[in-house]
């Protein structure tokens, strides 16, 4: 089993406000175009290509 990927994971410590993070997006703002790897096929696709097909919802976060 791999070691946990955070050296320190303390939910009790004070966290900076979200506004303190540079270059953050607000809900409803369009994300910048970037390349993504298709995890099923291994091909690369650009975000703009996906936008052209249908509306898109992107969620960023940690699933550890």
Protein backbone atom coordinates (compact mmCIF):
# COMPACT_ATOMS: atom_id res chain seq x y z
CA UNK A 1 0.00 0.00 0.00
CA UNK A 2 1.34 3.45 -0.94
CA UNK A 3 1.88 6.11 1.68
CA UNK A 4 -0.73 8.84 1.93
CA UNK A 5 0.09 11.69 -0.45
CA UNK A 6 -0.07 14.47 2.17
CA UNK A 7 2.65 14.88 4.78
CA UNK A 8 0.16 16.76 6.96
CA UNK A 9 -3.61 16.52 6.68
CA UNK A 10 -5.11 18.40 9.60
CA UNK A 11 -8.69 19.60 9.13
CA UNK A 12 -8.50 21.51 12.40
CA UNK A 13 -5.79 23.94 11.27
CA UNK A 14 -6.84 27.31 9.92
CA UNK A 15 -7.22 27.39 6.14
CA UNK A 16 -6.71 30.51 4.01
CA UNK A 17 -9.87 31.95 2.45
CA UNK A 18 -10.58 30.79 -1.11
CA UNK A 19 -9.89 34.31 -2.41
CA UNK A 20 -6.26 33.92 -1.26
CA UNK A 21 -5.56 31.43 -4.07
CA UNK A 22 -4.25 33.13 -7.23
CA UNK A 23 -5.93 32.61 -10.60
CA UNK A 24 -9.06 31.04 -9.14
CA UNK A 25 -12.29 30.79 -11.09
CA UNK A 26 -15.68 31.71 -9.72
CA UNK A 27 -18.79 29.61 -10.29
CA UNK A 28 -20.10 30.21 -13.79
CA UNK A 29 -16.82 31.49 -15.24
CA UNK A 30 -15.41 29.74 -18.28
CA UNK A 31 -12.31 27.66 -17.60
CA UNK A 32 -9.25 28.23 -19.81
CA UNK A 33 -8.69 25.76 -22.62
CA UNK A 34 -6.22 22.99 -21.79
CA UNK A 35 -5.39 19.42 -22.82
CA UNK A 36 -6.91 16.44 -21.01
CA UNK A 37 -6.06 12.74 -21.23
CA UNK A 38 -8.98 10.43 -21.96
CA UNK A 39 -8.60 7.80 -19.26
CA UNK A 40 -10.46 5.16 -21.27
CA UNK A 41 -8.59 5.49 -24.56
CA UNK A 42 -5.39 7.31 -23.59
CA UNK A 43 -5.89 9.95 -26.29
CA UNK A 44 -5.53 13.67 -25.65
CA UNK A 45 -8.47 15.99 -26.10
CA UNK A 46 -8.71 19.76 -25.63
CA UNK A 47 -11.34 21.30 -23.42
CA UNK A 48 -12.48 23.49 -26.33
CA UNK A 49 -13.26 20.31 -28.34
CA UNK A 50 -15.53 19.07 -25.56
CA UNK A 51 -17.25 22.49 -25.31
CA UNK A 52 -18.03 22.27 -29.03
CA UNK A 53 -19.91 18.99 -28.48
CA UNK A 54 -22.04 19.86 -25.44
CA UNK A 55 -22.21 21.93 -22.26
CA UNK A 56 -19.50 20.90 -19.83
CA UNK A 57 -19.20 20.69 -16.04
CA UNK A 58 -15.74 20.33 -14.55
CA UNK A 59 -15.11 19.51 -10.91
CA UNK A 60 -11.68 19.81 -9.36
CA UNK A 61 -10.88 18.30 -6.02
CA UNK A 62 -9.11 15.60 -4.10
CA UNK A 63 -10.61 12.15 -4.02
CA UNK A 64 -8.04 10.62 -1.68
